[in-house]
């Protein structure tokens, strides 16, 4: 592992995006989304993807100068056309609009079409939690999951997140893909020549397999919890794509395997203003009661703590903020060095 100063990495990301045509405002939004995600410990969806976003801009799959625009709206809803902008830009605009509308009417939905990979869904849900609201965020993706009784890639991992304020500045939050396992774990097993559990993949006949070498050409991921994950993935597809006009299922191109093609993904965001249902004092008292009961329940043998969803991520973020440093893998360091060289923007990586 290597290290980099968070403030230096943030400025590097902003300048690299600006150099490739992104406005200063949108570069700052994108950099904050990616680096905050890394500070939460979700390294798969953070700054490691910066070089690929820039590559997609230069290949024509993203429009660096695009500005998302509202194309229809009412008091409690809106739909935004991302116009091929960076997914983080569209995502932040949409969730912030949902928050503003929820302040007026209590609950609001904002959908996005014509977008791209937006990083970690949890970032957007937490935007609502920071405003004392419950936030939901989700996106459809290119198909990599075989549905129950199916034998080919039919639906995306369709990430889903929620965040709920607790009164102490740290939300309860969950950010999950709806596959049984992350595709990266299968790929890592494949690289090491390792077998995998038979709950991860199905082969071309729709049968569970332990052969990691089949993925992705000749195998598909299984949904999380079989029909349960499948059902939730369908819900995400409806809210993100069907009612927004975004690409659906096979209409979605891979964002990072097909750089010149428009991803055409859809997102959905919901904000719920708790204060319009009960006072902040009453809510904080009730959420504290729930937290205490969960955390103080009987512990499993050999375990000394029960964690809330998001609690481990908040601990990682606090440590990153305390040290001002972000630990990065050697592969991430090499990627950033390559981007530094291609943009001629200096970044100091500490070994």
Protein backbone atom coordinates (compact mmCIF):
# COMPACT_ATOMS: atom_id res chain seq x y z
CA UNK A 1 0.00 0.00 0.00
CA UNK A 2 1.06 3.57 -0.71
CA UNK A 3 -0.27 6.90 0.54
CA UNK A 4 -1.31 10.27 -0.82
CA UNK A 5 -2.47 13.46 0.92
CA UNK A 6 -6.22 13.86 0.54
CA UNK A 7 -6.10 17.60 -0.23
CA UNK A 8 -3.41 17.05 -2.88
CA UNK A 9 -5.35 14.19 -4.45
CA UNK A 10 -8.51 16.28 -4.55
CA UNK A 11 -6.73 19.15 -6.31
CA UNK A 12 -5.05 16.72 -8.71
CA UNK A 13 -8.42 15.21 -9.66
CA UNK A 14 -9.96 18.65 -10.19
CA UNK A 15 -7.11 19.85 -12.38
CA UNK A 16 -7.00 16.60 -14.40
CA UNK A 17 -10.71 16.92 -15.18
CA UNK A 18 -10.43 20.62 -16.05
CA UNK A 19 -7.53 19.84 -18.38
CA UNK A 20 -9.82 17.40 -20.19
CA UNK A 21 -12.62 19.90 -20.72
CA UNK A 22 -14.73 19.63 -17.55
CA UNK A 23 -15.82 22.91 -15.94
CA UNK A 24 -14.25 23.83 -12.59
CA UNK A 25 -17.63 23.47 -10.83
CA UNK A 26 -18.30 20.00 -12.24
CA UNK A 27 -14.71 18.92 -11.67
CA UNK A 28 -15.02 19.82 -7.97
CA UNK A 29 -18.31 17.91 -7.67
CA UNK A 30 -16.80 14.84 -9.32
CA UNK A 31 -13.61 14.94 -7.26
CA UNK A 32 -15.55 15.24 -3.99
CA UNK A 33 -17.78 12.30 -4.91
CA UNK A 34 -14.81 10.04 -5.71
CA UNK A 35 -12.55 11.01 -2.81
CA UNK A 36 -15.33 10.91 -0.20
CA UNK A 37 -16.10 7.41 -1.43
CA UNK A 38 -12.45 6.42 -0.95
CA UNK A 39 -12.44 7.86 2.57
CA UNK A 40 -15.38 5.59 3.39
CA UNK A 41 -13.18 2.67 2.28
CA UNK A 42 -15.12 1.89 -0.91
CA UNK A 43 -11.99 1.95 -3.07
CA UNK A 44 -13.62 0.19 -6.03
CA UNK A 45 -15.83 3.20 -6.78
CA UNK A 46 -13.54 6.11 -6.00
CA UNK A 47 -10.50 7.80 -7.49
CA UNK A 48 -9.24 4.57 -9.10
CA UNK A 49 -11.81 5.20 -11.86
CA UNK A 50 -10.73 8.78 -12.61
CA UNK A 51 -8.45 7.78 -15.48
CA UNK A 52 -11.22 5.72 -17.07
CA UNK A 53 -13.71 8.58 -16.87
CA UNK A 54 -11.19 10.81 -18.62
CA UNK A 55 -10.52 8.09 -21.20
CA UNK A 56 -14.25 7.85 -21.87
CA UNK A 57 -14.46 11.62 -22.31
CA UNK A 58 -11.67 11.52 -24.88
CA UNK A 59 -13.26 8.55 -26.67
CA UNK A 60 -16.60 10.38 -27.00
CA UNK A 61 -18.63 8.24 -24.59
CA UNK A 62 -18.96 11.18 -22.19
CA UNK A 63 -19.35 14.89 -22.93
CA UNK A 64 -17.01 16.90 -20.72
CA UNK A 65 -18.92 20.14 -21.34
CA UNK A 66 -22.43 18.74 -20.89
CA UNK A 67 -24.79 20.17 -18.29
CA UNK A 68 -27.69 18.02 -17.03
CA UNK A 69 -31.10 19.66 -17.49
CA UNK A 70 -34.54 19.18 -15.98
CA UNK A 71 -36.92 18.04 -18.73
CA UNK A 72 -40.11 17.60 -16.71
CA UNK A 73 -41.12 18.25 -13.11
CA UNK A 74 -43.87 18.73 -10.59
CA UNK A 75 -43.94 19.66 -6.89
CA UNK A 76 -42.68 16.23 -5.76
CA UNK A 77 -40.85 14.86 -8.80
CA UNK A 78 -38.55 15.66 -11.69
CA UNK A 79 -36.72 13.91 -14.53
CA UNK A 80 -33.28 15.08 -15.62
CA UNK A 81 -31.55 14.48 -18.95
CA UNK A 82 -27.88 13.92 -18.10
CA UNK A 83 -26.85 14.86 -21.66
CA UNK A 84 -23.87 12.45 -21.46
CA UNK A 85 -22.34 14.37 -18.53
CA UNK A 86 -20.26 12.65 -15.89
CA UNK A 87 -22.57 10.52 -13.75
CA UNK A 88 -21.40 12.21 -10.57
CA UNK A 89 -22.52 15.60 -11.93
CA UNK A 90 -25.99 14.32 -12.87
CA UNK A 91 -26.30 12.38 -9.62
CA UNK A 92 -25.50 15.34 -7.39
CA UNK A 93 -27.82 17.67 -9.33
CA UNK A 94 -30.64 15.14 -9.04
CA UNK A 95 -30.30 14.37 -5.34
CA UNK A 96 -29.94 18.04 -4.44
CA UNK A 97 -33.10 18.78 -6.42
CA UNK A 98 -34.94 15.94 -4.61
CA UNK A 99 -33.82 17.46 -1.29
CA UNK A 100 -35.08 20.93 -2.23
CA UNK A 101 -38.43 19.56 -3.35
CA UNK A 102 -38.77 17.42 -0.21
CA UNK A 103 -38.33 20.56 1.90
CA UNK A 104 -41.51 21.85 0.27
CA UNK A 105 -43.70 18.76 0.07
CA UNK A 106 -42.18 16.19 2.45
CA UNK A 107 -40.99 13.57 -0.05
CA UNK A 108 -39.64 13.84 -3.58
CA UNK A 109 -38.34 11.64 -6.40
CA UNK A 110 -35.90 12.70 -9.13
CA UNK A 111 -34.90 10.38 -11.96
CA UNK A 112 -32.08 10.71 -14.47
CA UNK A 113 -31.66 9.42 -18.02
CA UNK A 114 -28.80 9.58 -20.53
CA UNK A 115 -26.21 9.27 -17.77
CA UNK A 116 -23.17 7.14 -16.98
CA UNK A 117 -21.55 5.29 -14.07
CA UNK A 118 -22.08 7.53 -11.04
CA UNK A 119 -19.64 5.98 -8.59
CA UNK A 120 -20.95 4.82 -5.22
CA UNK A 121 -24.70 5.09 -4.62
CA UNK A 122 -24.08 5.76 -0.92
CA UNK A 123 -22.58 9.18 -1.61
CA UNK A 124 -25.90 10.52 -2.89
CA UNK A 125 -28.02 8.94 -0.16
CA UNK A 126 -25.75 10.63 2.37
CA UNK A 127 -26.35 14.04 0.76
CA UNK A 128 -29.91 13.72 2.03
CA UNK A 129 -28.85 12.45 5.45
CA UNK A 130 -26.60 15.51 5.83
CA UNK A 131 -29.77 17.61 5.48
CA UNK A 132 -31.61 15.61 8.16
CA UNK A 133 -33.51 13.55 5.58
CA UNK A 134 -33.70 9.89 4.64
CA UNK A 135 -32.14 9.38 1.23
CA UNK A 136 -32.47 6.59 -1.32
CA UNK A 137 -30.29 6.32 -4.43
CA UNK A 138 -29.98 3.68 -7.14
CA UNK A 139 -28.89 3.08 -10.72
CA UNK A 140 -29.28 0.47 -13.42
CA UNK A 141 -26.17 -0.97 -15.09
CA UNK A 142 -25.26 -3.12 -18.08
CA UNK A 143 -26.51 -6.72 -17.69
CA UNK A 144 -24.17 -9.12 -15.88
CA UNK A 145 -26.66 -11.10 -13.75
CA UNK A 146 -28.61 -14.16 -14.85
CA UNK A 147 -32.13 -14.17 -13.42
CA UNK A 148 -33.60 -17.27 -11.73
CA UNK A 149 -34.26 -19.99 -14.34
CA UNK A 150 -32.24 -17.95 -16.85
CA UNK A 151 -28.94 -18.87 -18.50
CA UNK A 152 -27.52 -15.55 -19.72
CA UNK A 153 -26.80 -12.01 -18.57
CA UNK A 154 -30.20 -10.35 -18.26
CA UNK A 155 -30.05 -7.52 -15.72
CA UNK A 156 -27.43 -5.30 -14.09
CA UNK A 157 -26.01 -5.33 -10.59
CA UNK A 158 -28.30 -2.30 -10.08
CA UNK A 159 -26.76 -0.76 -6.94
CA UNK A 160 -29.08 0.50 -4.19
CA UNK A 161 -28.37 2.66 -1.16
CA UNK A 162 -30.18 4.28 1.73
CA UNK A 163 -28.95 6.70 4.38
CA UNK A 164 -30.70 7.85 7.54
CA UNK A 165 -29.56 10.64 9.90
CA UNK A 166 -28.98 9.79 13.54
CA UNK A 167 -28.52 13.18 15.16
CA UNK A 168 -24.76 12.80 15.68
CA UNK A 169 -23.60 13.60 12.15
CA UNK A 170 -23.07 9.96 11.20
CA UNK A 171 -25.78 8.30 9.18
CA UNK A 172 -26.92 4.71 9.17
CA UNK A 173 -26.31 3.76 5.57
CA UNK A 174 -26.19 0.77 3.27
CA UNK A 175 -24.71 0.66 -0.23
CA UNK A 176 -25.01 -2.66 -2.07
CA UNK A 177 -25.02 -4.17 -5.52
CA UNK A 178 -27.75 -6.73 -6.09
CA UNK A 179 -25.48 -9.49 -7.36
CA UNK A 180 -24.48 -12.27 -4.95
CA UNK A 181 -20.89 -11.04 -5.10
CA UNK A 182 -18.94 -8.20 -6.71
CA UNK A 183 -17.67 -9.03 -10.19
CA UNK A 184 -14.20 -7.91 -9.07
CA UNK A 185 -14.05 -10.79 -6.58
CA UNK A 186 -14.72 -13.28 -9.37
CA UNK A 187 -12.08 -11.68 -11.56
CA UNK A 188 -9.54 -11.78 -8.73
CA UNK A 189 -10.24 -15.50 -8.21
CA UNK A 190 -9.86 -16.03 -11.95
CA UNK A 191 -6.49 -14.29 -11.96
CA UNK A 192 -5.32 -16.58 -9.15
CA UNK A 193 -6.74 -19.71 -10.79
CA UNK A 194 -9.00 -20.33 -7.81
CA UNK A 195 -12.39 -22.05 -7.64
CA UNK A 196 -15.27 -20.05 -6.19
CA UNK A 197 -18.43 -20.88 -4.21
CA UNK A 198 -21.23 -22.24 -6.40
CA UNK A 199 -23.46 -19.35 -5.30
CA UNK A 200 -21.49 -16.78 -7.33
CA UNK A 201 -21.92 -17.76 -10.99
CA UNK A 202 -24.06 -19.79 -13.37
CA UNK A 203 -22.68 -21.24 -16.60
CA UNK A 204 -24.15 -21.02 -20.11
CA UNK A 205 -26.76 -23.64 -19.19
CA UNK A 206 -27.86 -21.69 -16.13
CA UNK A 207 -26.23 -24.14 -13.74
CA UNK A 208 -24.19 -23.07 -10.69
CA UNK A 209 -20.46 -23.37 -11.29
CA UNK A 210 -17.28 -23.09 -9.22
CA UNK A 211 -15.14 -22.37 -12.30
CA UNK A 212 -14.07 -18.71 -12.11
CA UNK A 213 -12.34 -18.93 -15.52
CA UNK A 214 -15.75 -18.90 -17.25
CA UNK A 215 -16.45 -15.30 -16.25
CA UNK A 216 -17.37 -13.02 -17.93
CA UNK A 217 -17.52 -14.56 -21.42
CA UNK A 218 -19.21 -17.86 -20.52
CA UNK A 219 -20.83 -17.25 -17.15
CA UNK A 220 -23.11 -14.78 -15.41
CA UNK A 221 -23.34 -13.54 -11.85
CA UNK A 222 -26.14 -14.83 -9.66
CA UNK A 223 -28.49 -12.34 -7.97
CA UNK A 224 -28.13 -11.70 -4.25
CA UNK A 225 -30.50 -13.93 -2.32
CA UNK A 226 -31.81 -15.62 -5.49
CA UNK A 227 -35.34 -14.33 -6.26
CA UNK A 228 -35.08 -11.65 -3.56
CA UNK A 229 -32.14 -9.85 -5.16
CA UNK A 230 -33.69 -10.37 -8.59
CA UNK A 231 -36.90 -8.69 -7.47
CA UNK A 232 -35.04 -5.72 -6.02
CA UNK A 233 -32.97 -5.39 -9.22
CA UNK A 234 -36.20 -5.20 -11.20
CA UNK A 235 -37.48 -2.46 -8.87
CA UNK A 236 -34.28 -0.47 -9.45
CA UNK A 237 -34.67 -0.95 -13.21
CA UNK A 238 -38.22 0.41 -13.08
CA UNK A 239 -37.38 3.47 -10.96
CA UNK A 240 -34.08 4.25 -12.72
CA UNK A 241 -34.91 3.46 -16.32
CA UNK A 242 -38.49 2.56 -17.19
CA UNK A 243 -40.03 5.77 -15.86
CA UNK A 244 -37.11 8.05 -16.74
CA UNK A 245 -36.67 7.07 -20.38
CA UNK A 246 -33.13 5.78 -19.79
CA UNK A 247 -31.73 2.71 -21.47
CA UNK A 248 -33.14 -0.56 -20.11
CA UNK A 249 -31.43 -3.92 -19.68
CA UNK A 250 -29.63 -4.76 -22.96
CA UNK A 251 -29.84 -1.12 -24.07
CA UNK A 252 -27.11 -0.26 -21.51
CA UNK A 253 -23.53 -0.35 -22.79
CA UNK A 254 -20.67 -1.14 -20.41
CA UNK A 255 -19.29 2.16 -19.19
CA UNK A 256 -15.67 0.99 -19.00
CA UNK A 257 -15.38 -1.80 -21.58
CA UNK A 258 -16.84 0.25 -24.44
CA UNK A 259 -15.35 3.71 -24.05
CA UNK A 260 -16.71 5.30 -27.23
CA UNK A 261 -20.33 4.24 -26.65
CA UNK A 262 -22.81 6.23 -24.60
CA UNK A 263 -23.59 4.31 -21.41
CA UNK A 264 -27.24 5.52 -21.36
CA UNK A 265 -27.73 4.53 -17.72
CA UNK A 266 -30.54 5.79 -15.51
CA UNK A 267 -30.57 6.76 -11.83
CA UNK A 268 -33.24 7.40 -9.22
CA UNK A 269 -33.13 9.44 -6.02
CA UNK A 270 -35.65 9.90 -3.22
CA UNK A 271 -35.49 12.34 -0.30
CA UNK A 272 -37.81 12.13 2.72
CA UNK A 273 -38.01 15.15 5.03
CA UNK A 274 -38.49 13.64 8.48
CA UNK A 275 -39.13 17.02 10.13
CA UNK A 276 -42.46 17.31 8.35
CA UNK A 277 -43.67 14.14 10.10
CA UNK A 278 -42.22 14.57 13.59
CA UNK A 279 -39.94 16.93 15.44
CA UNK A 280 -36.20 16.42 15.13
CA UNK A 281 -36.02 15.84 18.88
CA UNK A 282 -38.59 13.04 18.77
CA UNK A 283 -36.96 11.40 15.74
CA UNK A 284 -33.49 11.50 17.30
CA UNK A 285 -34.85 9.94 20.48
CA UNK A 286 -36.55 7.14 18.54
CA UNK A 287 -33.58 6.43 16.25
CA UNK A 288 -31.30 6.31 19.32
CA UNK A 289 -33.65 3.82 20.93
CA UNK A 290 -33.48 1.62 17.84
CA UNK A 291 -29.68 1.87 17.62
CA UNK A 292 -29.20 1.01 21.30
CA UNK A 293 -31.43 -2.04 21.09
CA UNK A 294 -29.63 -3.36 18.01
CA UNK A 295 -26.11 -2.75 19.30
CA UNK A 296 -26.75 -4.01 22.83
CA UNK A 297 -28.30 -7.31 21.81
CA UNK A 298 -26.68 -10.68 22.67
CA UNK A 299 -23.33 -11.15 20.88
CA UNK A 300 -22.35 -14.23 18.92
CA UNK A 301 -19.63 -16.42 20.42
CA UNK A 302 -16.24 -14.79 19.96
CA UNK A 303 -17.73 -11.42 18.95
CA UNK A 304 -17.67 -8.32 21.11
CA UNK A 305 -19.51 -5.74 19.01
CA UNK A 306 -22.55 -5.44 16.77
CA UNK A 307 -22.19 -2.88 13.98
CA UNK A 308 -24.83 -0.75 12.32
CA UNK A 309 -24.92 -0.48 8.52
CA UNK A 310 -22.31 2.13 7.60
CA UNK A 311 -20.64 2.20 11.02
CA UNK A 312 -17.38 0.66 9.78
CA UNK A 313 -17.33 3.06 6.83
CA UNK A 314 -17.71 6.08 9.13
CA UNK A 315 -14.78 4.83 11.22
CA UNK A 316 -12.61 4.64 8.09
CA UNK A 317 -13.65 8.14 7.04
CA UNK A 318 -12.85 9.56 10.48
CA UNK A 319 -9.38 7.98 10.35
CA UNK A 320 -8.74 9.40 6.87
CA UNK A 321 -9.81 12.88 7.98
CA UNK A 322 -7.69 12.60 11.14
CA UNK A 323 -4.52 11.69 9.26
CA UNK A 324 -5.23 13.71 6.12
CA UNK A 325 -3.94 10.72 4.17
CA UNK A 326 -5.52 8.11 1.92
CA UNK A 327 -4.01 4.65 1.57
CA UNK A 328 -4.05 3.39 -2.01
CA UNK A 329 -3.11 0.08 -3.57
CA UNK A 330 -0.03 -0.27 -5.74
CA UNK A 331 -2.30 -0.69 -8.78
CA UNK A 332 -4.12 2.56 -7.95
CA UNK A 333 -0.79 4.31 -7.46
CA UNK A 334 0.39 3.18 -10.89
CA UNK A 335 -2.86 4.35 -12.48
CA UNK A 336 -2.55 7.78 -10.85
CA UNK A 337 1.12 8.06 -11.87
CA UNK A 338 0.14 7.29 -15.45
CA UNK A 339 -2.58 9.94 -15.35
CA UNK A 340 -0.13 12.40 -13.81
CA UNK A 341 2.30 11.83 -16.66
CA UNK A 342 -0.35 12.10 -19.39
CA UNK A 343 -1.80 15.34 -17.99
CA UNK A 344 1.53 16.77 -16.85
CA UNK A 345 -0.01 17.49 -13.43
CA UNK A 346 2.16 16.65 -10.44
CA UNK A 347 0.94 14.29 -7.71
CA UNK A 348 3.13 13.23 -4.81
CA UNK A 349 2.58 9.57 -3.90
CA UNK A 350 4.28 8.41 -0.71
CA UNK A 351 5.65 4.86 -0.54
